[in-house]
N, C-alpha and C. Protein backbone atom coordinates (compact mmCIF):
# COMPACT_ATOMS: atom_id res chain seq x y z
N MET A 1 32.19 179.33 75.57
CA MET A 1 32.33 180.20 76.03
C MET A 1 32.87 181.42 75.05
N ALA A 2 32.88 182.62 75.98
CA ALA A 2 32.82 183.70 75.06
C ALA A 2 33.75 184.90 75.47
N VAL A 3 34.72 185.46 74.36
CA VAL A 3 35.65 186.14 74.24
C VAL A 3 35.09 187.66 74.22
N ARG A 4 35.81 188.50 75.00
CA ARG A 4 35.70 189.88 74.66
C ARG A 4 36.49 190.64 75.31
N GLN A 5 36.50 191.83 74.60
CA GLN A 5 37.73 192.90 75.14
C GLN A 5 37.24 193.83 76.20
N GLU A 6 37.51 194.12 77.32
CA GLU A 6 37.13 194.92 78.33
C GLU A 6 38.69 195.86 78.71
N ARG A 7 38.50 197.14 78.67
CA ARG A 7 39.57 197.75 79.35
C ARG A 7 41.10 197.40 79.06
N GLY A 8 40.95 197.14 78.16
CA GLY A 8 42.58 197.00 77.73
C GLY A 8 43.10 195.08 77.63
N ALA A 9 41.85 194.46 78.26
CA ALA A 9 42.44 192.87 78.21
C ALA A 9 41.38 192.09 77.71
N ARG A 10 41.93 190.86 77.52
CA ARG A 10 41.03 190.04 76.87
C ARG A 10 40.16 189.47 77.85
N VAL A 11 38.97 189.21 78.16
CA VAL A 11 38.30 188.40 78.88
C VAL A 11 37.70 187.33 78.30
N VAL A 12 38.10 186.30 79.04
CA VAL A 12 37.41 184.52 78.52
C VAL A 12 36.37 183.87 79.64
N ALA A 13 34.91 184.11 79.28
CA ALA A 13 34.12 183.53 79.93
C ALA A 13 33.78 182.30 79.77
N VAL A 14 34.56 181.41 80.48
CA VAL A 14 33.96 180.14 80.24
C VAL A 14 32.56 179.58 80.85
N THR A 15 32.15 178.35 80.47
CA THR A 15 30.63 177.92 80.92
C THR A 15 31.14 176.45 81.33
N GLY A 16 30.09 175.74 81.97
CA GLY A 16 30.12 174.67 82.35
C GLY A 16 31.18 174.11 83.12
N PRO A 17 31.53 172.62 82.19
CA PRO A 17 32.44 171.78 82.53
C PRO A 17 33.93 172.19 82.50
N LEU A 18 35.22 171.95 82.66
CA LEU A 18 36.05 171.87 81.80
C LEU A 18 36.89 170.83 82.13
N ASP A 19 36.93 169.78 81.02
CA ASP A 19 37.43 168.91 81.30
C ASP A 19 38.30 168.25 79.54
N LEU A 20 39.01 167.27 80.15
CA LEU A 20 39.30 166.49 78.93
C LEU A 20 38.87 166.87 77.45
N ASP A 21 37.51 166.70 77.41
CA ASP A 21 36.42 166.49 76.49
C ASP A 21 36.33 168.17 75.97
N SER A 22 36.43 169.18 76.85
CA SER A 22 36.03 170.32 76.79
C SER A 22 37.04 171.78 76.83
N VAL A 23 38.22 171.50 77.27
CA VAL A 23 38.94 172.60 77.82
C VAL A 23 39.57 173.23 76.06
N ALA A 24 39.61 172.42 74.99
CA ALA A 24 40.34 172.57 74.21
C ALA A 24 40.38 174.29 73.60
N PRO A 25 38.86 174.74 73.67
CA PRO A 25 38.52 176.17 73.24
C PRO A 25 39.66 177.15 74.19
N LEU A 26 39.40 176.73 75.72
CA LEU A 26 39.97 177.78 76.54
C LEU A 26 41.60 177.66 76.08
N GLU A 27 41.99 176.79 75.44
CA GLU A 27 43.47 176.02 75.38
C GLU A 27 43.80 177.04 74.39
N GLU A 28 43.07 177.01 73.13
CA GLU A 28 43.48 178.00 72.26
C GLU A 28 43.36 179.35 72.45
N VAL A 29 41.73 179.90 73.23
CA VAL A 29 42.42 181.53 73.15
C VAL A 29 43.77 181.49 74.19
N LEU A 30 43.86 180.72 74.80
CA LEU A 30 45.32 181.41 76.02
C LEU A 30 46.69 180.94 74.89
N ARG A 31 46.31 180.39 74.60
CA ARG A 31 47.53 180.29 73.11
C ARG A 31 47.55 181.17 72.64
N LYS A 32 46.18 181.80 71.44
CA LYS A 32 46.47 182.69 70.61
C LYS A 32 46.78 183.75 71.73
N ALA A 33 46.06 184.55 72.50
CA ALA A 33 46.31 185.61 73.38
C ALA A 33 48.16 185.73 73.73
N ALA A 34 48.65 184.92 74.38
CA ALA A 34 50.03 184.38 74.25
C ALA A 34 50.99 185.00 73.00
N GLU A 35 50.35 184.12 71.79
CA GLU A 35 51.14 184.56 70.50
C GLU A 35 50.78 186.32 70.28
N ASP A 36 49.63 186.70 70.69
CA ASP A 36 49.72 187.86 70.24
C ASP A 36 50.15 189.08 71.27
N GLY A 37 50.20 188.71 72.00
CA GLY A 37 51.17 189.57 73.14
C GLY A 37 49.87 190.02 73.85
N VAL A 38 49.22 189.27 74.35
CA VAL A 38 47.74 190.25 74.85
C VAL A 38 47.86 190.04 76.22
N ALA A 39 47.69 191.45 77.10
CA ALA A 39 48.10 191.08 78.37
C ALA A 39 47.10 192.55 78.74
N PRO A 40 46.51 192.48 79.77
CA PRO A 40 46.32 191.01 80.91
C PRO A 40 45.35 190.01 80.05
N VAL A 41 44.91 188.76 80.63
CA VAL A 41 43.73 187.94 80.17
C VAL A 41 43.36 187.20 81.76
N VAL A 42 41.70 187.82 81.38
CA VAL A 42 41.43 187.09 82.27
C VAL A 42 40.70 186.32 81.99
N VAL A 43 40.53 185.06 82.72
CA VAL A 43 39.36 183.77 82.38
C VAL A 43 38.58 184.27 84.02
N ASP A 44 37.37 184.72 83.38
CA ASP A 44 35.98 184.25 83.58
C ASP A 44 35.63 183.23 84.36
N LEU A 45 35.87 183.00 85.50
CA LEU A 45 35.20 181.53 85.72
C LEU A 45 34.02 181.36 86.56
N SER A 46 33.21 182.33 86.47
CA SER A 46 31.80 182.89 87.32
C SER A 46 30.84 181.04 86.86
N ALA A 47 31.16 181.39 86.31
CA ALA A 47 29.82 180.18 85.62
C ALA A 47 30.42 178.67 85.17
N ALA A 48 31.61 178.76 85.76
CA ALA A 48 32.79 177.28 85.08
C ALA A 48 32.19 175.69 86.62
N THR A 49 31.57 175.10 86.15
CA THR A 49 30.96 173.95 87.36
C THR A 49 32.07 172.89 87.60
N PHE A 50 33.01 172.77 87.16
CA PHE A 50 34.00 171.55 87.02
C PHE A 50 34.84 171.68 86.58
N ALA A 51 36.21 171.14 86.78
CA ALA A 51 37.55 171.54 86.30
C ALA A 51 37.96 170.31 86.49
N ASP A 52 38.98 169.10 85.64
CA ASP A 52 40.01 168.51 86.14
C ASP A 52 41.60 168.91 86.08
N SER A 53 41.99 167.74 85.98
CA SER A 53 43.62 168.23 85.99
C SER A 53 44.13 168.67 84.53
N THR A 54 43.12 168.39 83.70
CA THR A 54 43.72 168.80 82.24
C THR A 54 43.65 170.12 81.94
N THR A 55 42.88 170.67 83.06
CA THR A 55 42.47 172.13 83.14
C THR A 55 43.41 172.87 84.00
N VAL A 56 44.02 171.99 84.88
CA VAL A 56 45.20 172.56 85.69
C VAL A 56 46.21 173.06 84.98
N ASN A 57 46.35 171.65 83.94
CA ASN A 57 47.89 171.65 83.10
C ASN A 57 47.73 173.24 82.05
N VAL A 58 46.36 173.34 81.66
CA VAL A 58 45.95 173.96 80.31
C VAL A 58 46.25 175.50 81.04
N LEU A 59 46.29 176.00 82.29
CA LEU A 59 46.00 176.82 83.35
C LEU A 59 47.99 177.27 82.96
N LEU A 60 48.10 176.10 83.49
CA LEU A 60 49.70 176.13 84.07
C LEU A 60 50.35 176.14 82.71
N GLN A 61 50.28 175.84 81.89
CA GLN A 61 50.85 176.06 80.34
C GLN A 61 50.69 177.43 79.99
N ALA A 62 49.54 177.91 80.61
CA ALA A 62 49.43 179.48 79.90
C ALA A 62 49.86 180.31 80.94
N HIS A 63 50.23 180.23 81.96
CA HIS A 63 50.79 180.58 82.80
C HIS A 63 52.06 181.02 82.44
N SER A 64 52.88 179.87 81.95
CA SER A 64 54.32 179.82 81.45
C SER A 64 54.36 180.75 80.35
N ALA A 65 53.05 181.11 79.71
CA ALA A 65 53.33 182.04 78.07
C ALA A 65 52.97 182.68 78.47
N LEU A 66 52.10 183.31 79.54
CA LEU A 66 51.75 184.55 79.67
C LEU A 66 52.67 185.52 81.00
N GLY A 67 53.10 184.88 82.12
CA GLY A 67 53.37 185.30 83.28
C GLY A 67 51.86 185.72 83.97
N PRO A 68 52.17 186.90 85.03
CA PRO A 68 51.29 187.30 85.54
C PRO A 68 50.13 187.75 84.84
N ALA A 69 50.51 188.03 83.82
CA ALA A 69 49.07 188.78 82.87
C ALA A 69 47.93 187.84 82.44
N LEU A 70 48.44 186.40 83.32
CA LEU A 70 47.07 185.61 83.23
C LEU A 70 46.23 185.81 84.39
N ARG A 71 44.90 185.91 84.63
CA ARG A 71 44.30 186.31 85.58
C ARG A 71 43.14 185.18 85.83
N LEU A 72 43.00 184.52 86.77
CA LEU A 72 41.64 183.98 87.12
C LEU A 72 40.64 184.94 87.82
N ALA A 73 39.29 184.73 87.64
CA ALA A 73 38.28 185.30 88.22
C ALA A 73 37.00 185.12 88.91
N ALA A 74 37.01 184.97 89.75
CA ALA A 74 35.48 184.53 90.13
C ALA A 74 35.16 183.16 90.21
N PRO A 75 36.07 182.26 90.70
CA PRO A 75 36.30 180.71 90.58
C PRO A 75 35.52 180.34 91.50
N SER A 76 34.26 179.52 91.29
CA SER A 76 33.51 178.73 92.24
C SER A 76 34.12 177.55 93.53
N ALA A 77 33.12 177.94 94.45
CA ALA A 77 33.87 177.27 95.62
C ALA A 77 34.51 175.28 95.15
N VAL A 78 33.68 174.85 93.87
CA VAL A 78 34.27 173.55 93.91
C VAL A 78 35.69 173.88 93.03
N LEU A 79 36.30 174.89 92.12
CA LEU A 79 37.39 175.46 91.26
C LEU A 79 37.89 175.76 92.47
N MET A 80 37.70 176.62 93.49
CA MET A 80 38.76 177.02 94.43
C MET A 80 39.26 175.97 95.03
N ARG A 81 38.73 174.89 95.41
CA ARG A 81 38.88 173.35 96.42
C ARG A 81 39.97 173.11 95.42
N LEU A 82 39.91 172.62 94.04
CA LEU A 82 40.92 172.10 93.11
C LEU A 82 42.15 173.08 92.92
N PHE A 83 41.84 174.12 93.28
CA PHE A 83 43.21 174.91 92.72
C PHE A 83 44.16 175.10 94.30
N THR A 84 43.12 175.43 95.34
CA THR A 84 43.76 175.01 96.79
C THR A 84 44.42 173.51 96.69
N LEU A 85 44.06 172.34 96.62
CA LEU A 85 44.68 171.13 96.75
C LEU A 85 45.89 170.81 95.76
N THR A 86 45.43 171.32 94.61
CA THR A 86 46.76 171.25 93.67
C THR A 86 47.99 172.18 93.97
N GLY A 87 47.52 173.56 94.72
CA GLY A 87 48.60 174.33 94.75
C GLY A 87 48.68 175.49 93.95
N LEU A 88 47.47 175.37 92.68
CA LEU A 88 47.56 176.64 91.86
C LEU A 88 47.17 177.74 92.66
N ASP A 89 46.34 177.67 93.49
CA ASP A 89 45.88 179.04 93.99
C ASP A 89 47.34 179.76 94.49
N THR A 90 48.34 179.29 94.93
CA THR A 90 50.05 179.74 94.82
C THR A 90 50.71 180.12 94.22
N VAL A 91 50.15 179.88 92.97
CA VAL A 91 50.81 180.15 91.61
C VAL A 91 50.13 181.18 90.85
N LEU A 92 48.85 181.23 90.70
CA LEU A 92 48.25 181.99 90.08
C LEU A 92 47.57 182.94 90.43
N PRO A 93 47.53 184.46 89.87
CA PRO A 93 46.45 185.37 90.52
C PRO A 93 45.06 184.61 90.30
N LEU A 94 44.28 184.88 91.43
CA LEU A 94 43.01 184.50 91.58
C LEU A 94 42.34 186.20 92.23
N TYR A 95 41.24 186.17 91.86
CA TYR A 95 40.68 187.18 92.12
C TYR A 95 39.03 186.94 91.72
N ASP A 96 38.19 187.95 92.84
CA ASP A 96 36.61 187.87 93.66
C ASP A 96 36.16 187.83 92.64
N SER A 97 36.47 189.15 91.61
CA SER A 97 35.21 189.21 90.20
C SER A 97 36.18 189.78 89.01
N VAL A 98 35.81 189.33 87.82
CA VAL A 98 36.26 190.17 86.67
C VAL A 98 36.78 191.79 87.01
N ALA A 99 35.74 192.65 87.64
CA ALA A 99 36.25 193.76 87.63
C ALA A 99 37.58 193.81 88.47
N LYS A 100 37.82 192.78 89.91
CA LYS A 100 38.83 192.94 90.52
C LYS A 100 40.00 192.74 89.58
N ALA A 101 39.84 191.40 88.50
CA ALA A 101 41.20 191.40 88.01
C ALA A 101 41.72 192.37 86.93
N LEU A 102 40.87 192.94 86.28
CA LEU A 102 41.03 194.06 85.80
C LEU A 102 41.87 195.31 86.27
N ASP A 103 41.12 195.49 87.36
CA ASP A 103 41.73 197.01 87.92
C ASP A 103 43.18 196.36 88.44
N ALA A 104 43.45 195.33 88.47
CA ALA A 104 44.99 194.90 89.74
C ALA A 104 45.98 195.22 89.04
N GLU A 105 46.73 195.44 89.44
CA GLU A 105 48.20 196.07 88.98
C GLU A 105 49.02 194.98 88.71
N PRO A 106 49.56 194.49 87.62
CA PRO A 106 50.60 192.98 87.43
C PRO A 106 51.19 192.95 89.05
N ALA A 107 51.25 191.73 88.81
CA ALA A 107 51.82 190.88 89.95
C ALA A 107 53.34 190.71 89.64
N PRO A 108 54.03 190.48 90.23
CA PRO A 108 55.87 190.57 90.18
C PRO A 108 55.69 188.72 89.88
N LEU A 109 56.41 188.39 88.49
CA LEU A 109 56.50 186.75 88.14
C LEU A 109 56.70 186.07 89.04
N GLY A 110 55.72 185.11 89.35
CA GLY A 110 55.73 183.90 90.62
C GLY A 110 55.24 184.14 91.62
N ALA A 111 54.68 185.33 92.21
CA ALA A 111 53.66 185.61 92.74
C ALA A 111 52.47 185.62 92.23
N ASP A 112 51.25 185.36 93.13
CA ASP A 112 50.52 185.40 92.87
C ASP A 112 49.55 186.59 92.77
N GLY A 113 49.28 187.44 93.60
CA GLY A 113 49.01 188.89 93.72
C GLY A 113 47.42 189.07 93.70
N GLY A 114 46.78 188.18 93.92
CA GLY A 114 45.45 187.90 93.80
C GLY A 114 44.57 188.11 95.09
N ASP A 115 43.53 188.44 95.01
CA ASP A 115 42.60 188.61 96.25
C ASP A 115 41.33 187.40 96.32
N ARG A 116 41.56 186.80 97.36
CA ARG A 116 40.62 185.86 97.99
C ARG A 116 39.55 186.31 98.55
N GLU A 117 39.29 187.55 99.23
CA GLU A 117 38.02 187.47 99.74
C GLU A 117 37.00 187.24 99.51
N GLY A 118 36.03 187.10 100.20
CA GLY A 118 34.80 186.17 99.97
C GLY A 118 34.68 185.09 99.11
């Protein structure tokens, strides 16, 4: 996982599987961003190969703390399927790319505001 500042946002690039054994660093970064009042926070999922219910819970907790400032970018087809099956795609803003997530205006609380094209 790599964390960087870009255009006033914290971008968190995750790689590989996100599951019970590997999601803790992401959880910590998102918790710290909420504590620091960092907004927006873009989670780059382009290199994530798998996610489980633990990851869904981490993202929901982060959404509770960060609200619409939490944005998910470039989820793979595997992750999109999980997000669709769990309804996460209706709760969190999803974007095709990090650039689109960075360019987006903040969504109203409770709205997804995402861009699911492509």
